[in-house]
Amino acid sequence: MTEPVFPKSWKKESKPHKFCPGCGQALALKILGYAIDELDIAKKLVYGCDIGCSLLTWDMFNVDTIQTHHGRVIPTMVGFKLAKPEAITIAFLGDGGGYAIGAQHLVNAAMRNDKITVILINNANYAMTGGQLAPTTLVGQKTDTTPNGRDEAVFGNPIHGPEMIAAIAAPGAYIARTTSNNFEDCKDKIKKALQNQIDGKGFSFVEILSMCPVNWKTNTVESLEYVDKNMANIFPLGEIKND
């Protein structure tokens, strides 16, 4: 892995993140920071974050930031983009905000081909509130509300968000899935999603598979393996739509 080349004006100042130990969101956000710097878009960027673990990111970047109600970050960033088309807008949220309470906003933004970039963290549970069943929870996965594992007959299968969005998105959309475990692949897909917006092509969506060791009750090795083997086996990685 090569070290990123930072702009000369970039100040190497940082502070501890607020996520649980081992959380994959911290890695995803660090990668997003690299992508922003390498594209040199910080001064044009408006970052929106949802409720849930996502709200812990409201002061992580030295960019204009909006923190919204749960599930409402996508329409908020769509509205900002309509008001200021020259801005680069990011909606950052979790699987609950994107696939449950905010699902209608994700679907409509994709159908309208809104020129924003959505980054969604999939950690297969409602992490902020204690690890309950989420739209992305795997069949058989134990959560606080499914102590015997997700029952397919009762709850069905986990949602495949990027595939759903790809099926309804207009031409020009960029849709991909990656993991926070793979620095280069994750950065590449985030940069492509942002570049798609910069080029004015259309809606951009990246789902990032991420660890949640506190709620999964797994150690470091088990958490990494769960993402790379269990989750990636159910949620295929790669570019799903790029036209």
C-alpha atoms as a PDB file:
ATOM      1  CA  MET A   1       0.000   0.000   0.000  1.00  0.00           C
ATOM      2  CA  THR A   2       1.478   3.346  -1.033  1.00  0.00           C
ATOM      3  CA  GLU A   3       1.253   6.419   1.169  1.00  0.00           C
ATOM      4  CA  PRO A   4      -0.987   9.174  -0.260  1.00  0.00           C
ATOM      5  CA  VAL A   5       0.667  12.389  -1.415  1.00  0.00           C
ATOM      6  CA  PHE A   6      -0.953  15.270   0.440  1.00  0.00           C
ATOM      7  CA  PRO A   7      -1.240  18.863  -0.819  1.00  0.00           C
ATOM      8  CA  LYS A   8       1.427  21.163   0.642  1.00  0.00           C
ATOM      9  CA  SER A   9      -1.274  23.225   2.313  1.00  0.00           C
ATOM     10  CA  TRP A  10      -2.600  20.191   4.168  1.00  0.00           C
ATOM     11  CA  LYS A  11      -2.067  20.407   7.919  1.00  0.00           C
ATOM     12  CA  LYS A  12      -1.273  17.171   9.685  1.00  0.00           C
ATOM     13  CA  GLU A  13      -3.641  17.724  12.586  1.00  0.00           C
ATOM     14  CA  SER A  14      -5.892  15.009  13.926  1.00  0.00           C
ATOM     15  CA  LYS A  15      -7.861  13.955  16.985  1.00  0.00           C
ATOM     16  CA  PRO A  16      -9.158  10.618  18.277  1.00  0.00           C
ATOM     17  CA  HIS A  17     -12.317   9.351  16.605  1.00  0.00           C
ATOM     18  CA  LYS A  18     -15.420   8.666  18.684  1.00  0.00           C
ATOM     19  CA  PHE A  19     -16.223   5.171  17.450  1.00  0.00           C
ATOM     20  CA  CYS A  20     -16.040   1.942  19.446  1.00  0.00           C
ATOM     21  CA  PRO A  21     -12.707   0.096  19.391  1.00  0.00           C
ATOM     22  CA  GLY A  22     -12.277  -1.823  16.150  1.00  0.00           C
ATOM     23  CA  CYS A  23     -15.169  -0.117  14.351  1.00  0.00           C
ATOM     24  CA  GLY A  24     -14.772  -0.188  10.587  1.00  0.00           C
ATOM     25  CA  GLN A  25     -16.405   3.210  10.128  1.00  0.00           C
ATOM     26  CA  ALA A  26     -13.258   4.909  11.396  1.00  0.00           C
ATOM     27  CA  LEU A  27     -11.289   3.205   8.609  1.00  0.00           C
ATOM     28  CA  ALA A  28     -13.901   4.136   6.002  1.00  0.00           C
ATOM     29  CA  LEU A  29     -13.821   7.773   7.073  1.00  0.00           C
ATOM     30  CA  LYS A  30     -10.025   7.872   7.025  1.00  0.00           C
ATOM     31  CA  ILE A  31     -10.166   6.528   3.468  1.00  0.00           C
ATOM     32  CA  LEU A  32     -12.796   9.141   2.584  1.00  0.00           C
ATOM     33  CA  GLY A  33     -10.457  11.808   3.930  1.00  0.00           C
ATOM     34  CA  TYR A  34      -7.668  10.580   1.661  1.00  0.00           C
ATOM     35  CA  ALA A  35     -10.052  10.635  -1.316  1.00  0.00           C
ATOM     36  CA  ILE A  36     -11.124  14.203  -0.571  1.00  0.00           C
ATOM     37  CA  ASP A  37      -7.513  15.362  -0.328  1.00  0.00           C
ATOM     38  CA  GLU A  38      -6.360  13.536  -3.452  1.00  0.00           C
ATOM     39  CA  LEU A  39      -9.233  15.032  -5.464  1.00  0.00           C
ATOM     40  CA  ASP A  40      -8.549  18.426  -3.826  1.00  0.00           C
ATOM     41  CA  ILE A  41     -12.258  19.161  -3.321  1.00  0.00           C
ATOM     42  CA  ALA A  42     -12.408  20.165   0.360  1.00  0.00           C
ATOM     43  CA  LYS A  43     -13.259  23.799  -0.405  1.00  0.00           C
ATOM     44  CA  LYS A  44     -16.147  22.733  -2.668  1.00  0.00           C
ATOM     45  CA  LEU A  45     -17.406  19.957  -0.419  1.00  0.00           C
ATOM     46  CA  VAL A  46     -20.518  19.894   1.756  1.00  0.00           C
ATOM     47  CA  TYR A  47     -20.694  16.800   3.970  1.00  0.00           C
ATOM     48  CA  GLY A  48     -23.996  15.583   5.395  1.00  0.00           C
ATOM     49  CA  CYS A  49     -24.259  12.901   8.089  1.00  0.00           C
ATOM     50  CA  ASP A  50     -27.235  10.969   9.393  1.00  0.00           C
ATOM     51  CA  ILE A  51     -28.301   9.959  12.909  1.00  0.00           C
ATOM     52  CA  GLY A  52     -26.876   6.683  14.221  1.00  0.00           C
ATOM     53  CA  CYS A  53     -23.150   6.027  14.366  1.00  0.00           C
ATOM     54  CA  SER A  54     -22.888   8.399  11.413  1.00  0.00           C
ATOM     55  CA  LEU A  55     -23.595  11.405  13.632  1.00  0.00           C
ATOM     56  CA  LEU A  56     -20.201  10.904  15.287  1.00  0.00           C
ATOM     57  CA  THR A  57     -18.610  12.206  12.086  1.00  0.00           C
ATOM     58  CA  TRP A  58     -20.067  15.714  12.195  1.00  0.00           C
ATOM     59  CA  ASP A  59     -16.771  17.326  13.236  1.00  0.00           C
ATOM     60  CA  MET A  60     -14.235  14.926  11.726  1.00  0.00           C
ATOM     61  CA  PHE A  61     -13.456  16.875   8.550  1.00  0.00           C
ATOM     62  CA  ASN A  62     -12.464  20.477   8.002  1.00  0.00           C
ATOM     63  CA  VAL A  63     -15.314  20.984   5.531  1.00  0.00           C
ATOM     64  CA  ASP A  64     -18.817  22.464   5.667  1.00  0.00           C
ATOM     65  CA  THR A  65     -21.003  19.909   7.434  1.00  0.00           C
ATOM     66  CA  ILE A  66     -24.728  19.316   7.962  1.00  0.00           C
ATOM     67  CA  GLN A  67     -26.080  16.830  10.525  1.00  0.00           C
ATOM     68  CA  THR A  68     -29.658  15.747   9.834  1.00  0.00           C
ATOM     69  CA  HIS A  69     -32.568  13.809  11.328  1.00  0.00           C
ATOM     70  CA  HIS A  70     -32.516  10.022  10.975  1.00  0.00           C
ATOM     71  CA  GLY A  71     -32.999   8.891   7.383  1.00  0.00           C
ATOM     72  CA  ARG A  72     -33.163  12.458   6.039  1.00  0.00           C
ATOM     73  CA  VAL A  73     -29.574  13.126   5.018  1.00  0.00           C
ATOM     74  CA  ILE A  74     -30.137  12.204   1.347  1.00  0.00           C
ATOM     75  CA  PRO A  75     -32.990  14.681   0.671  1.00  0.00           C
ATOM     76  CA  THR A  76     -31.098  17.322   2.663  1.00  0.00           C
ATOM     77  CA  MET A  77     -28.048  16.959   0.431  1.00  0.00           C
ATOM     78  CA  VAL A  78     -30.253  16.820  -2.684  1.00  0.00           C
ATOM     79  CA  GLY A  79     -31.771  20.128  -1.617  1.00  0.00           C
ATOM     80  CA  PHE A  80     -28.350  21.667  -1.055  1.00  0.00           C
ATOM     81  CA  LYS A  81     -27.171  20.472  -4.464  1.00  0.00           C
ATOM     82  CA  LEU A  82     -30.230  22.010  -6.123  1.00  0.00           C
ATOM     83  CA  ALA A  83     -29.566  25.310  -4.354  1.00  0.00           C
ATOM     84  CA  LYS A  84     -25.832  25.269  -5.117  1.00  0.00           C
ATOM     85  CA  PRO A  85     -25.108  22.994  -8.096  1.00  0.00           C
ATOM     86  CA  GLU A  86     -21.391  23.781  -8.089  1.00  0.00           C
ATOM     87  CA  ALA A  87     -20.957  22.196  -4.648  1.00  0.00           C
ATOM     88  CA  ILE A  88     -19.757  18.615  -4.190  1.00  0.00           C
ATOM     89  CA  THR A  89     -22.188  16.966  -1.772  1.00  0.00           C
ATOM     90  CA  ILE A  90     -21.794  13.773   0.236  1.00  0.00           C
ATOM     91  CA  ALA A  91     -24.557  12.014   2.185  1.00  0.00           C
ATOM     92  CA  PHE A  92     -22.977   9.668   4.755  1.00  0.00           C
ATOM     93  CA  LEU A  93     -25.269   7.215   6.557  1.00  0.00           C
ATOM     94  CA  GLY A  94     -25.730   3.704   7.879  1.00  0.00           C
ATOM     95  CA  ASP A  95     -27.782   0.767   6.662  1.00  0.00           C
ATOM     96  CA  GLY A  96     -30.697   1.727   8.912  1.00  0.00           C
ATOM     97  CA  GLY A  97     -30.820   5.305   7.644  1.00  0.00           C
ATOM     98  CA  GLY A  98     -30.485   4.176   4.040  1.00  0.00           C
ATOM     99  CA  TYR A  99     -32.429   0.923   3.827  1.00  0.00           C
ATOM    100  CA  ALA A 100     -35.096   1.362   6.516  1.00  0.00           C
ATOM    101  CA  ILE A 101     -36.350   4.780   7.623  1.00  0.00           C
ATOM    102  CA  GLY A 102     -34.695   6.549   4.675  1.00  0.00           C
ATOM    103  CA  ALA A 103     -35.209   3.922   1.969  1.00  0.00           C
ATOM    104  CA  GLN A 104     -37.728   6.008   0.033  1.00  0.00           C
ATOM    105  CA  HIS A 105     -35.249   8.883  -0.215  1.00  0.00           C
ATOM    106  CA  LEU A 106     -32.489   6.611  -1.508  1.00  0.00           C
ATOM    107  CA  VAL A 107     -34.819   5.097  -4.115  1.00  0.00           C
ATOM    108  CA  ASN A 108     -36.166   8.435  -5.324  1.00  0.00           C
ATOM    109  CA  ALA A 109     -32.736  10.070  -5.485  1.00  0.00           C
ATOM    110  CA  ALA A 110     -31.512   7.202  -7.669  1.00  0.00           C
ATOM    111  CA  MET A 111     -34.576   7.332  -9.914  1.00  0.00           C
ATOM    112  CA  ARG A 112     -34.224  11.110 -10.354  1.00  0.00           C
ATOM    113  CA  ASN A 113     -30.488  10.698 -10.981  1.00  0.00           C
ATOM    114  CA  ASP A 114     -29.725  13.363  -8.371  1.00  0.00           C
ATOM    115  CA  LYS A 115     -26.103  14.392  -8.722  1.00  0.00           C
ATOM    116  CA  ILE A 116     -24.970  13.653  -5.180  1.00  0.00           C
ATOM    117  CA  THR A 117     -22.690  11.007  -3.682  1.00  0.00           C
ATOM    118  CA  VAL A 118     -24.112   8.642  -1.072  1.00  0.00           C
ATOM    119  CA  ILE A 119     -21.769   6.583   1.116  1.00  0.00           C
ATOM    120  CA  LEU A 120     -23.512   3.919   3.188  1.00  0.00           C
ATOM    121  CA  ILE A 121     -21.953   1.815   5.946  1.00  0.00           C
ATOM    122  CA  ASN A 122     -23.258  -1.754   6.131  1.00  0.00           C
ATOM    123  CA  ASN A 123     -22.324  -3.373   9.452  1.00  0.00           C
ATOM    124  CA  ALA A 124     -25.330  -5.730   9.478  1.00  0.00           C
ATOM    125  CA  ASN A 125     -26.950  -4.341  12.643  1.00  0.00           C
ATOM    126  CA  TYR A 126     -28.323  -1.231  14.343  1.00  0.00           C
ATOM    127  CA  ALA A 127     -25.055  -0.426  16.064  1.00  0.00           C
ATOM    128  CA  MET A 128     -25.748   2.887  17.828  1.00  0.00           C
ATOM    129  CA  THR A 129     -28.738   1.527  19.755  1.00  0.00           C
ATOM    130  CA  GLY A 130     -27.175  -1.724  20.902  1.00  0.00           C
ATOM    131  CA  GLY A 131     -27.008  -4.175  18.026  1.00  0.00           C
ATOM    132  CA  GLN A 132     -30.562  -4.954  16.934  1.00  0.00           C
ATOM    133  CA  LEU A 133     -31.740  -6.634  13.720  1.00  0.00           C
ATOM    134  CA  ALA A 134     -31.200  -4.408  10.675  1.00  0.00           C
ATOM    135  CA  PRO A 135     -32.228  -4.677   7.003  1.00  0.00           C
ATOM    136  CA  THR A 136     -28.741  -6.028   6.279  1.00  0.00           C
ATOM    137  CA  THR A 137     -28.486  -8.606   9.088  1.00  0.00           C
ATOM    138  CA  LEU A 138     -27.395 -11.956   7.649  1.00  0.00           C
ATOM    139  CA  VAL A 139     -29.586 -15.047   7.875  1.00  0.00           C
ATOM    140  CA  GLY A 140     -28.576 -16.871  11.046  1.00  0.00           C
ATOM    141  CA  GLN A 141     -26.763 -13.824  12.479  1.00  0.00           C
ATOM    142  CA  LYS A 142     -27.430 -13.247  16.171  1.00  0.00           C
ATOM    143  CA  THR A 143     -28.458  -9.767  17.313  1.00  0.00           C
ATOM    144  CA  ASP A 144     -30.066  -8.345  20.454  1.00  0.00           C
ATOM    145  CA  THR A 145     -33.495  -8.829  18.873  1.00  0.00           C
ATOM    146  CA  THR A 146     -32.694 -12.155  17.162  1.00  0.00           C
ATOM    147  CA  PRO A 147     -30.767 -14.035  19.885  1.00  0.00           C
ATOM    148  CA  ASN A 148     -31.225 -17.318  18.010  1.00  0.00           C
ATOM    149  CA  GLY A 149     -30.162 -15.816  14.689  1.00  0.00           C
ATOM    150  CA  ARG A 150     -32.099 -14.132  11.893  1.00  0.00           C
ATOM    151  CA  ASP A 151     -34.913 -16.461  10.860  1.00  0.00           C
ATOM    152  CA  GLU A 152     -35.357 -16.358   7.086  1.00  0.00           C
ATOM    153  CA  ALA A 153     -38.976 -17.558   7.386  1.00  0.00           C
ATOM    154  CA  VAL A 154     -39.830 -14.659   9.708  1.00  0.00           C
ATOM    155  CA  PHE A 155     -37.644 -11.777   8.528  1.00  0.00           C
ATOM    156  CA  GLY A 156     -36.756 -12.787   4.980  1.00  0.00           C
ATOM    157  CA  ASN A 157     -33.323 -12.183   3.472  1.00  0.00           C
ATOM    158  CA  PRO A 158     -31.028  -9.181   3.981  1.00  0.00           C
ATOM    159  CA  ILE A 159     -31.491  -6.330   1.540  1.00  0.00           C
ATOM    160  CA  HIS A 160     -29.029  -5.956  -1.340  1.00  0.00           C
ATOM    161  CA  GLY A 161     -29.098  -2.181  -1.598  1.00  0.00           C
ATOM    162  CA  PRO A 162     -26.662  -1.490  -4.450  1.00  0.00           C
ATOM    163  CA  GLU A 163     -28.277  -4.145  -6.632  1.00  0.00           C
ATOM    164  CA  MET A 164     -31.730  -2.677  -5.943  1.00  0.00           C
ATOM    165  CA  ILE A 165     -30.556   0.835  -6.742  1.00  0.00           C
ATOM    166  CA  ALA A 166     -28.713  -0.300  -9.883  1.00  0.00           C
ATOM    167  CA  ALA A 167     -31.959  -1.774 -11.201  1.00  0.00           C
ATOM    168  CA  ILE A 168     -33.762   1.578 -11.052  1.00  0.00           C
ATOM    169  CA  ALA A 169     -30.947   4.115 -11.475  1.00  0.00           C
ATOM    170  CA  ALA A 170     -30.765   6.253 -14.594  1.00  0.00           C
ATOM    171  CA  PRO A 171     -27.854   6.133 -17.066  1.00  0.00           C
ATOM    172  CA  GLY A 172     -24.839   7.955 -15.686  1.00  0.00           C
ATOM    173  CA  ALA A 173     -25.124   6.518 -12.186  1.00  0.00           C
ATOM    174  CA  TYR A 174     -22.136   4.967 -10.427  1.00  0.00           C
ATOM    175  CA  ILE A 175     -22.927   2.192  -7.927  1.00  0.00           C
ATOM    176  CA  ALA A 176     -20.408  -0.018  -6.128  1.00  0.00           C
ATOM    177  CA  ARG A 177     -19.730  -2.098  -3.035  1.00  0.00           C
ATOM    178  CA  THR A 178     -16.423  -2.363  -1.197  1.00  0.00           C
ATOM    179  CA  THR A 179     -15.096  -2.996   2.323  1.00  0.00           C
ATOM    180  CA  SER A 180     -13.379  -0.810   4.886  1.00  0.00           C
ATOM    181  CA  ASN A 181     -10.790  -3.605   5.185  1.00  0.00           C
ATOM    182  CA  ASN A 182      -9.366  -2.915   1.714  1.00  0.00           C
ATOM    183  CA  PHE A 183      -7.822   0.558   1.692  1.00  0.00           C
ATOM    184  CA  GLU A 184      -6.971   0.834  -1.992  1.00  0.00           C
ATOM    185  CA  ASP A 185     -10.211  -0.665  -3.321  1.00  0.00           C
ATOM    186  CA  CYS A 186     -12.357   1.415  -0.985  1.00  0.00           C
ATOM    187  CA  LYS A 187     -10.519   4.617  -1.874  1.00  0.00           C
ATOM    188  CA  ASP A 188     -10.730   3.843  -5.584  1.00  0.00           C
ATOM    189  CA  LYS A 189     -14.501   3.396  -5.474  1.00  0.00           C
ATOM    190  CA  ILE A 190     -15.094   6.470  -3.319  1.00  0.00           C
ATOM    191  CA  LYS A 191     -12.982   8.563  -5.701  1.00  0.00           C
ATOM    192  CA  LYS A 192     -14.884   7.213  -8.707  1.00  0.00           C
ATOM    193  CA  ALA A 193     -18.186   8.047  -7.017  1.00  0.00           C
ATOM    194  CA  LEU A 194     -17.056  11.583  -6.259  1.00  0.00           C
ATOM    195  CA  GLN A 195     -15.579  12.019  -9.742  1.00  0.00           C
ATOM    196  CA  ASN A 196     -18.907  10.901 -11.212  1.00  0.00           C
ATOM    197  CA  GLN A 197     -20.537  13.797  -9.389  1.00  0.00           C
ATOM    198  CA  ILE A 198     -17.757  16.223 -10.325  1.00  0.00           C
ATOM    199  CA  ASP A 199     -18.239  15.296 -13.984  1.00  0.00           C
ATOM    200  CA  GLY A 200     -21.975  15.902 -13.654  1.00  0.00           C
ATOM    201  CA  LYS A 201     -22.908  12.399 -14.811  1.00  0.00           C
ATOM    202  CA  GLY A 202     -25.421  11.467 -12.135  1.00  0.00           C
ATOM    203  CA  PHE A 203     -26.198   9.694  -8.880  1.00  0.00           C
ATOM    204  CA  SER A 204     -23.307   7.970  -7.084  1.00  0.00           C
ATOM    205  CA  PHE A 205     -23.636   5.305  -4.404  1.00  0.00           C
ATOM    206  CA  VAL A 206     -21.012   3.291  -2.535  1.00  0.00           C
ATOM    207  CA  GLU A 207     -21.890   0.682   0.091  1.00  0.00           C
ATOM    208  CA  ILE A 208     -19.014  -0.141   2.437  1.00  0.00           C
ATOM    209  CA  LEU A 209     -19.054  -3.407   4.380  1.00  0.00           C
ATOM    210  CA  SER A 210     -17.749  -2.632   7.845  1.00  0.00           C
ATOM    211  CA  MET A 211     -16.844  -4.298  11.167  1.00  0.00           C
ATOM    212  CA  CYS A 212     -18.839  -3.887  14.389  1.00  0.00           C
ATOM    213  CA  PRO A 213     -16.920  -5.997  16.936  1.00  0.00           C
ATOM    214  CA  VAL A 214     -18.645  -4.592  20.037  1.00  0.00           C
ATOM    215  CA  ASN A 215     -22.114  -5.646  18.900  1.00  0.00           C
ATOM    216  CA  TRP A 216     -20.930  -8.714  17.007  1.00  0.00           C
ATOM    217  CA  LYS A 217     -18.989  -9.750  20.139  1.00  0.00           C
ATOM    218  CA  THR A 218     -15.989 -10.722  18.017  1.00  0.00           C
ATOM    219  CA  ASN A 219     -12.251 -10.118  18.355  1.00  0.00           C
ATOM    220  CA  THR A 220     -10.137  -8.392  15.717  1.00  0.00           C
ATOM    221  CA  VAL A 221      -9.379 -11.455  13.609  1.00  0.00           C
ATOM    222  CA  GLU A 222     -12.963 -12.726  13.817  1.00  0.00           C
ATOM    223  CA  SER A 223     -14.327  -9.301  12.832  1.00  0.00           C
ATOM    224  CA  LEU A 224     -12.109  -9.029   9.764  1.00  0.00           C
ATOM    225  CA  GLU A 225     -12.944 -12.581   8.716  1.00  0.00           C
ATOM    226  CA  TYR A 226     -16.675 -11.985   9.172  1.00  0.00           C
ATOM    227  CA  VAL A 227     -16.540  -9.081   6.713  1.00  0.00           C
ATOM    228  CA  ASP A 228     -14.223 -10.719   4.194  1.00  0.00           C
ATOM    229  CA  LYS A 229     -15.831 -14.170   4.230  1.00  0.00           C
ATOM    230  CA  ASN A 230     -19.376 -14.090   5.594  1.00  0.00           C
ATOM    231  CA  MET A 231     -20.553 -10.637   4.494  1.00  0.00           C
ATOM    232  CA  ALA A 232     -18.678 -10.487   1.196  1.00  0.00           C
ATOM    233  CA  ASN A 233     -20.084 -13.904   0.321  1.00  0.00           C
ATOM    234  CA  ILE A 234     -23.635 -12.567   0.714  1.00  0.00           C
ATOM    235  CA  PHE A 235     -22.963  -9.032  -0.558  1.00  0.00           C
ATOM    236  CA  PRO A 236     -20.729  -9.330  -3.679  1.00  0.00           C
ATOM    237  CA  LEU A 237     -17.987  -6.721  -3.994  1.00  0.00           C
ATOM    238  CA  GLY A 238     -17.285  -4.651  -7.081  1.00  0.00           C
ATOM    239  CA  GLU A 239     -18.750  -2.080  -9.419  1.00  0.00           C
ATOM    240  CA  ILE A 240     -22.428  -2.823  -9.967  1.00  0.00           C
ATOM    241  CA  LYS A 241     -23.248   0.035 -12.320  1.00  0.00           C
ATOM    242  CA  ASN A 242     -20.838   2.331 -14.117  1.00  0.00           C
ATOM    243  CA  ASP A 243     -22.165   3.737 -17.387  1.00  0.00           C
END
